[in-house]
Amino acid sequence: MPMDYRQSGVDIDAGNDTVRRIKSLARGTFTPGVLSEIGSFGGLFKLDRDRYQEPVLVSSADGVGTKLKVAFMTGRHDTVGADLVNHCVNDILVQGAEPLFFLDYLATGRLSPAVAEQVIAGVARACRENGCALIGGETAEMPGFYADGEYDIAGFIVGVVDRPKLIDGHAIVPGDALIGLPSSGLHTNGYSLARRVCFDAAGWQPDTTVPELGTTVGEALLATHRSYLPVVRPLLARGDGAGVLKGLAHITGGGITENLPRILPDGCAAEIDRGAWSVPALFRLLQQHGGIATDEMFRAFNMGIGMIVACATRDADRVIADLARAGEPGATRIGRVISGNRDVTYINTP
């Protein structure tokens, strides 16, 4: 009998429908630098060189990880796209870069245009909020590769920073202050452990309401990975912003323990006061129900701190005040830089 692509599991019509739905979402993110339409073989973007003395492009690629499993369990797909964009925005923000454009990759076993539209709607929403153009991507239907109803997403971002304003941590010295910015939940890391604790050890379901959380388990786990660009951008815009902000660390997989050393120069280490902030209830519940050691908690999760700013002690109060004016009232000093070998020690365990 004659065969066609649909019989093998690939629905070209569904793919065309998905692209049609995505086009209008993407167009809503376009900035003046975009020169191409969605559907071109490559996305075109013109850099406004008049804005920069010595422009440096900064890029990053990432995914959402097993947080997607929670989306599959709940049937809610409108948040993970925003998680993806905001994670990538934060990754280039730590070097002082603002985003220019973004591309996404969505792969699934059987393409559902409605689900794909929800995912990309989250991508487009976060791109608009961050001033980042969604200029292209790929939607791959791969029958037999993913379980029915499952998909994976990844993203690629390009941003720009003027070389004199590049933030790389080289100016950090012992005695500098470390300021923590609160997270909005687990962000996009630690979900393999969190899912095991919530759904196996604690026996919860996604729709279980936990009083300590004030919401369902599913809603708590799907809380969107926040972007720190809106509150950090005003500091970067100041004439001396790049000098005041000596380093920025995005607290992702590996927690504070593994991520903060990435910005420390040789001869420097970090001392973090665990009593300087109140660890959110979700993390306390995960530790309680999973019997997880405190050191492991600080390596697996962000523990309520999603970004750390390093600055001179004399500038700390000013940075905290500037962040508050920009809409972040929760910034607080959580430690200091000490002499050492690029590691993190903790004091004052509650």
Protein backbone atom coordinates (compact mmCIF):
# COMPACT_ATOMS: atom_id res chain seq x y z
CA MET A 1 0.00 0.00 0.00
CA PRO A 2 1.23 3.55 -0.66
CA MET A 3 2.59 5.33 2.41
CA ASP A 4 2.95 8.98 3.34
CA TYR A 5 4.66 11.06 6.03
CA ARG A 6 1.52 11.25 8.20
CA GLN A 7 1.39 7.45 8.46
CA SER A 8 4.94 7.47 9.84
CA GLY A 9 3.85 9.88 12.56
CA VAL A 10 4.78 13.28 11.12
CA ASP A 11 1.88 15.60 10.36
CA ILE A 12 3.04 18.35 8.01
CA ASP A 13 -0.33 20.07 8.18
CA ALA A 14 -0.07 20.26 11.99
CA GLY A 15 3.39 21.75 11.55
CA ASN A 16 2.08 24.40 9.18
CA ASP A 17 -0.76 25.18 11.59
CA THR A 18 1.75 25.57 14.41
CA VAL A 19 3.90 27.97 12.39
CA ARG A 20 0.81 30.00 11.51
CA ARG A 21 -0.10 30.34 15.18
CA ILE A 22 3.46 31.23 16.19
CA LYS A 23 4.00 33.92 13.54
CA SER A 24 1.68 36.47 15.10
CA LEU A 25 3.10 35.78 18.57
CA ALA A 26 6.65 36.34 17.32
CA ARG A 27 5.79 39.50 15.38
CA GLY A 28 4.54 41.02 18.64
CA THR A 29 8.10 40.86 19.99
CA PHE A 30 9.86 42.46 17.01
CA THR A 31 12.15 45.41 17.71
CA PRO A 32 13.56 47.91 15.17
CA GLY A 33 16.62 45.70 14.61
CA VAL A 34 14.63 42.79 13.16
CA LEU A 35 15.03 42.53 9.37
CA SER A 36 13.44 39.14 8.64
CA GLU A 37 10.07 37.41 8.94
CA ILE A 38 9.32 34.22 10.82
CA GLY A 39 9.77 31.36 8.36
CA SER A 40 13.03 32.56 6.83
CA PHE A 41 15.92 30.12 6.82
CA GLY A 42 17.79 32.44 9.15
CA GLY A 43 16.79 35.32 11.39
CA LEU A 44 18.24 38.71 10.53
CA PHE A 45 19.03 41.38 13.11
CA LYS A 46 20.78 44.73 12.59
CA LEU A 47 22.83 45.97 15.53
CA ASP A 48 22.46 49.68 16.26
CA ARG A 49 26.18 50.50 16.44
CA ASP A 50 25.49 54.15 17.27
CA ARG A 51 24.47 53.06 20.79
CA TYR A 52 27.79 51.38 21.59
CA GLN A 53 31.43 52.44 21.56
CA GLU A 54 32.76 48.89 21.42
CA PRO A 55 29.88 46.39 21.27
CA VAL A 56 30.48 42.88 22.57
CA LEU A 57 27.92 40.18 21.76
CA VAL A 58 27.05 37.83 24.61
CA SER A 59 25.24 34.55 23.96
CA SER A 60 23.79 31.67 25.94
CA ALA A 61 21.71 28.54 25.39
CA ASP A 62 19.65 26.59 27.91
CA GLY A 63 16.58 24.48 28.55
CA VAL A 64 13.93 24.08 31.24
CA GLY A 65 14.87 20.57 32.36
CA THR A 66 12.48 18.27 34.19
CA LYS A 67 10.25 21.16 35.23
CA LEU A 68 8.53 20.18 32.00
CA LYS A 69 7.33 17.00 33.75
CA VAL A 70 5.22 19.20 36.05
CA ALA A 71 3.73 20.95 33.03
CA PHE A 72 2.82 17.55 31.57
CA MET A 73 1.24 16.46 34.86
CA THR A 74 -0.86 19.62 35.22
CA GLY A 75 -1.66 20.18 31.54
CA ARG A 76 -0.46 23.76 31.91
CA HIS A 77 1.99 24.87 29.23
CA ASP A 78 1.89 28.68 29.35
CA THR A 79 4.68 29.19 31.90
CA VAL A 80 7.62 27.06 30.75
CA GLY A 81 8.30 29.24 27.71
CA ALA A 82 8.72 32.27 29.96
CA ASP A 83 10.99 30.19 32.22
CA LEU A 84 13.21 29.49 29.24
CA VAL A 85 13.54 33.12 28.13
CA ASN A 86 14.05 34.55 31.61
CA HIS A 87 16.70 31.98 32.45
CA CYS A 88 18.65 32.89 29.31
CA VAL A 89 18.18 36.64 29.92
CA ASN A 90 19.64 36.26 33.42
CA ASP A 91 22.59 34.25 32.12
CA ILE A 92 23.77 37.11 29.90
CA LEU A 93 22.71 39.82 32.34
CA VAL A 94 25.41 38.74 34.77
CA GLN A 95 27.98 40.04 32.27
CA GLY A 96 26.14 43.33 31.89
CA ALA A 97 24.43 42.44 28.61
CA GLU A 98 20.91 43.35 27.54
CA PRO A 99 19.10 40.93 25.20
CA LEU A 100 18.77 41.55 21.47
CA PHE A 101 17.09 38.45 20.07
CA PHE A 102 16.01 34.93 20.96
CA LEU A 103 15.44 31.65 19.12
CA ASP A 104 13.61 28.61 20.45
CA TYR A 105 13.58 24.87 19.74
CA LEU A 106 10.50 22.75 20.47
CA ALA A 107 10.65 18.99 19.89
CA THR A 108 7.82 16.52 20.45
CA GLY A 109 6.68 13.05 19.47
CA ARG A 110 3.28 14.11 18.12
CA LEU A 111 2.77 17.79 17.45
CA SER A 112 -0.22 19.48 19.06
CA PRO A 113 -0.59 22.98 17.58
CA ALA A 114 -2.64 24.08 20.62
CA VAL A 115 0.02 22.99 23.11
CA ALA A 116 2.83 24.44 20.99
CA GLU A 117 0.95 27.72 20.84
CA GLN A 118 0.71 27.83 24.65
CA VAL A 119 4.44 27.17 25.02
CA ILE A 120 5.47 29.77 22.44
CA ALA A 121 2.98 32.26 23.89
CA GLY A 122 5.03 32.07 27.10
CA VAL A 123 8.22 32.56 25.12
CA ALA A 124 6.77 35.57 23.30
CA ARG A 125 5.37 37.12 26.48
CA ALA A 126 8.75 36.96 28.23
CA CYS A 127 10.54 38.26 25.13
CA ARG A 128 8.24 41.31 25.06
CA GLU A 129 8.73 41.92 28.78
CA ASN A 130 12.53 41.78 28.38
CA GLY A 131 12.65 43.84 25.17
CA CYS A 132 13.99 40.83 23.27
CA ALA A 133 12.90 39.92 19.73
CA LEU A 134 11.82 36.35 18.97
CA ILE A 135 13.21 36.09 15.44
CA GLY A 136 13.10 32.37 14.71
CA GLY A 137 13.22 28.82 15.93
CA GLU A 138 12.47 25.21 15.12
CA THR A 139 9.51 22.94 15.78
CA ALA A 140 10.44 19.28 15.36
CA GLU A 141 7.99 16.39 15.27
CA MET A 142 9.87 13.18 16.14
CA PRO A 143 7.54 10.19 16.44
CA GLY A 144 8.81 7.42 18.70
CA PHE A 145 11.41 9.69 20.30
CA TYR A 146 9.22 11.30 22.97
CA ALA A 147 6.38 9.81 24.97
CA ASP A 148 2.89 10.82 23.88
CA GLY A 149 2.03 14.27 25.19
CA GLU A 150 5.63 15.16 26.06
CA TYR A 151 8.02 17.65 24.50
CA ASP A 152 11.32 19.40 25.14
CA ILE A 153 12.22 23.05 24.67
CA ALA A 154 15.51 24.89 24.47
CA GLY A 155 16.46 28.46 23.72
CA PHE A 156 19.33 30.53 22.38
CA ILE A 157 19.83 34.21 23.20
CA VAL A 158 22.14 36.95 21.96
CA GLY A 159 22.66 40.20 23.82
CA VAL A 160 25.08 43.10 23.74
CA VAL A 161 27.20 45.08 26.18
CA ASP A 162 29.66 47.90 25.62
CA ARG A 163 33.10 46.51 26.40
CA PRO A 164 33.92 49.19 29.01
CA LYS A 165 30.73 48.13 30.86
CA LEU A 166 31.42 44.40 30.76
CA ILE A 167 30.98 42.75 34.17
CA ASP A 168 33.31 39.80 34.73
CA GLY A 169 34.17 39.76 38.43
CA HIS A 170 37.84 40.64 37.94
CA ALA A 171 37.57 43.65 40.30
CA ILE A 172 36.14 41.65 43.23
CA VAL A 173 38.37 41.74 46.31
CA PRO A 174 38.15 40.43 49.88
CA GLY A 175 35.88 42.67 51.92
CA ASP A 176 33.34 43.25 49.16
CA ALA A 177 29.66 42.83 50.02
CA LEU A 178 27.38 40.15 48.60
CA ILE A 179 23.73 41.16 48.08
CA GLY A 180 21.03 38.56 47.45
CA LEU A 181 17.95 39.12 45.28
CA PRO A 182 14.98 36.86 46.08
CA SER A 183 13.90 34.10 43.74
CA SER A 184 10.30 33.37 42.76
CA GLY A 185 10.54 29.67 43.61
CA LEU A 186 12.67 26.83 42.29
CA HIS A 187 13.13 28.70 39.00
CA THR A 188 14.29 25.98 36.56
CA ASN A 189 16.62 23.84 38.64
CA GLY A 190 16.40 20.98 41.11
CA TYR A 191 13.18 19.52 39.70
CA SER A 192 14.33 15.91 39.51
CA LEU A 193 14.83 15.95 43.28
CA ALA A 194 11.82 18.16 43.98
CA ARG A 195 9.45 15.93 42.01
CA ARG A 196 10.73 12.85 43.83
CA VAL A 197 10.15 14.50 47.20
CA CYS A 198 6.73 15.96 46.37
CA PHE A 199 5.14 13.10 44.47
CA ASP A 200 6.92 10.08 45.97
CA ALA A 201 8.10 10.89 49.51
CA ALA A 202 5.31 13.33 50.47
CA GLY A 203 2.66 11.58 48.35
CA TRP A 204 1.22 14.84 47.04
CA GLN A 205 -0.54 15.30 43.72
CA PRO A 206 -0.19 18.41 41.54
CA ASP A 207 -3.61 19.62 42.73
CA THR A 208 -2.85 19.02 46.43
CA THR A 209 -3.20 22.27 48.37
CA VAL A 210 -0.46 22.65 50.98
CA PRO A 211 -1.32 25.26 53.65
CA GLU A 212 2.31 26.30 54.15
CA LEU A 213 2.54 27.13 50.44
CA GLY A 214 -0.81 28.87 50.22
CA THR A 215 -1.42 27.18 46.87
CA THR A 216 -1.33 23.80 45.16
CA VAL A 217 1.88 21.84 44.72
CA GLY A 218 1.60 22.19 40.94
CA GLU A 219 1.24 25.97 41.09
CA ALA A 220 4.19 26.28 43.47
CA LEU A 221 6.42 24.16 41.27
CA LEU A 222 5.37 26.00 38.10
CA ALA A 223 6.07 29.48 39.51
CA THR A 224 7.83 31.34 36.70
CA HIS A 225 11.59 31.76 36.76
CA ARG A 226 11.84 35.52 37.21
CA SER A 227 13.92 37.87 35.10
CA TYR A 228 16.22 40.22 37.00
CA LEU A 229 16.73 42.53 34.02
CA PRO A 230 14.00 45.04 35.01
CA VAL A 231 15.55 45.72 38.42
CA VAL A 232 19.21 45.51 37.40
CA ARG A 233 18.91 47.50 34.16
CA PRO A 234 18.63 50.92 35.92
CA LEU A 235 21.90 50.20 37.72
CA LEU A 236 23.59 49.24 34.46
CA ALA A 237 22.30 52.45 32.85
CA ARG A 238 24.08 54.63 35.39
CA GLY A 239 27.36 56.08 34.21
CA ASP A 240 29.25 54.24 36.93
CA GLY A 241 26.96 51.19 36.99
CA ALA A 242 29.45 48.68 35.63
CA GLY A 243 32.03 49.90 38.14
CA VAL A 244 29.71 49.63 41.13
CA LEU A 245 28.44 46.17 40.16
CA LYS A 246 31.66 44.19 40.34
CA GLY A 247 30.01 40.84 39.74
CA LEU A 248 26.64 39.16 39.25
CA ALA A 249 25.92 35.46 39.80
CA HIS A 250 22.78 33.76 38.50
CA ILE A 251 21.92 31.04 41.04
CA THR A 252 20.87 28.09 38.88
CA GLY A 253 21.78 24.39 38.96
CA GLY A 254 24.34 23.87 41.72
CA GLY A 255 22.82 26.54 43.94
CA ILE A 256 24.87 29.21 45.68
CA THR A 257 27.60 26.69 46.44
CA GLU A 258 28.47 26.02 42.79
CA ASN A 259 27.46 29.25 41.04
CA LEU A 260 28.90 32.02 43.20
CA PRO A 261 32.52 30.81 42.74
CA ARG A 262 32.12 31.23 38.98
CA ILE A 263 32.51 35.01 39.34
CA LEU A 264 35.25 35.04 41.99
CA PRO A 265 38.82 35.80 40.91
CA ASP A 266 41.80 33.86 42.24
CA GLY A 267 42.48 34.54 45.90
CA CYS A 268 38.84 35.18 46.73
CA ALA A 269 36.15 33.07 48.39
CA ALA A 270 32.68 33.79 49.72
CA GLU A 271 31.19 33.68 53.19
CA ILE A 272 27.38 33.41 53.21
CA ASP A 273 25.24 34.07 56.28
CA ARG A 274 22.41 31.51 56.14
CA GLY A 275 20.52 33.53 58.72
CA ALA A 276 20.48 36.70 56.60
CA TRP A 277 17.23 35.81 54.82
CA SER A 278 14.17 33.70 55.43
CA VAL A 279 14.23 30.55 53.32
CA PRO A 280 10.81 30.22 51.59
CA ALA A 281 8.39 27.52 52.73
CA LEU A 282 8.75 25.41 49.57
CA PHE A 283 12.43 24.75 50.27
CA ARG A 284 11.80 24.01 53.95
CA LEU A 285 9.09 21.50 53.02
CA LEU A 286 11.35 19.81 50.47
CA GLN A 287 14.08 19.42 53.06
CA GLN A 288 11.65 18.14 55.70
CA HIS A 289 9.85 15.58 53.55
CA GLY A 290 12.97 14.48 51.70
CA GLY A 291 15.30 14.32 54.68
CA ILE A 292 17.80 16.31 52.62
CA ALA A 293 21.01 17.51 54.28
CA THR A 294 21.40 21.29 54.46
CA ASP A 295 24.62 21.27 52.43
CA GLU A 296 22.83 19.32 49.70
CA MET A 297 19.92 21.78 49.75
CA PHE A 298 22.32 24.64 49.02
CA ARG A 299 23.86 22.68 46.12
CA ALA A 300 20.58 21.54 44.55
CA PHE A 301 18.31 24.58 45.00
CA ASN A 302 18.58 28.38 45.01
CA MET A 303 17.08 28.45 48.55
CA GLY A 304 15.22 31.70 47.84
CA ILE A 305 18.15 33.64 46.34
CA GLY A 306 18.09 33.84 42.53
CA MET A 307 20.80 36.42 41.87
CA ILE A 308 23.79 37.66 43.89
CA VAL A 309 25.43 41.05 43.41
CA ALA A 310 29.03 41.70 44.44
CA CYS A 311 29.98 45.30 45.18
CA ALA A 312 32.27 47.30 47.44
CA THR A 313 31.03 47.51 51.03
CA ARG A 314 30.79 51.29 50.75
CA ASP A 315 28.37 50.89 47.82
CA ALA A 316 26.15 48.19 49.33
CA ASP A 317 23.50 50.45 50.86
CA ARG A 318 23.29 52.49 47.68
CA VAL A 319 22.89 49.36 45.52
CA ILE A 320 20.13 48.04 47.78
CA ALA A 321 18.37 51.43 47.63
CA ASP A 322 18.70 51.57 43.82
CA LEU A 323 17.26 48.06 43.53
CA ALA A 324 14.35 49.05 45.76
CA ARG A 325 13.62 52.08 43.55
CA ALA A 326 13.70 49.78 40.53
CA GLY A 327 11.06 47.52 42.08
CA GLU A 328 13.07 45.04 44.16
CA PRO A 329 12.48 45.73 47.86
CA GLY A 330 13.73 42.31 48.95
CA ALA A 331 17.44 42.76 48.21
CA THR A 332 19.56 42.19 51.30
CA ARG A 333 23.17 41.65 52.29
CA ILE A 334 23.76 37.92 52.63
CA GLY A 335 27.53 37.71 52.98
CA ARG A 336 30.94 38.98 52.04
CA VAL A 337 33.99 38.16 49.98
CA ILE A 338 36.92 36.75 51.96
CA SER A 339 40.39 35.51 51.11
CA GLY A 340 40.40 31.95 49.86
CA ASN A 341 40.33 29.57 46.96
CA ARG A 342 37.10 30.34 45.05
CA ASP A 343 34.75 28.41 47.32
CA VAL A 344 31.76 29.15 49.55
CA THR A 345 31.52 28.74 53.33
CA TYR A 346 28.34 29.18 55.35
CA ILE A 347 27.89 30.67 58.79
CA ASN A 348 24.98 31.08 61.22
CA THR A 349 22.95 28.06 60.13
CA PRO A 350 19.43 28.65 61.52
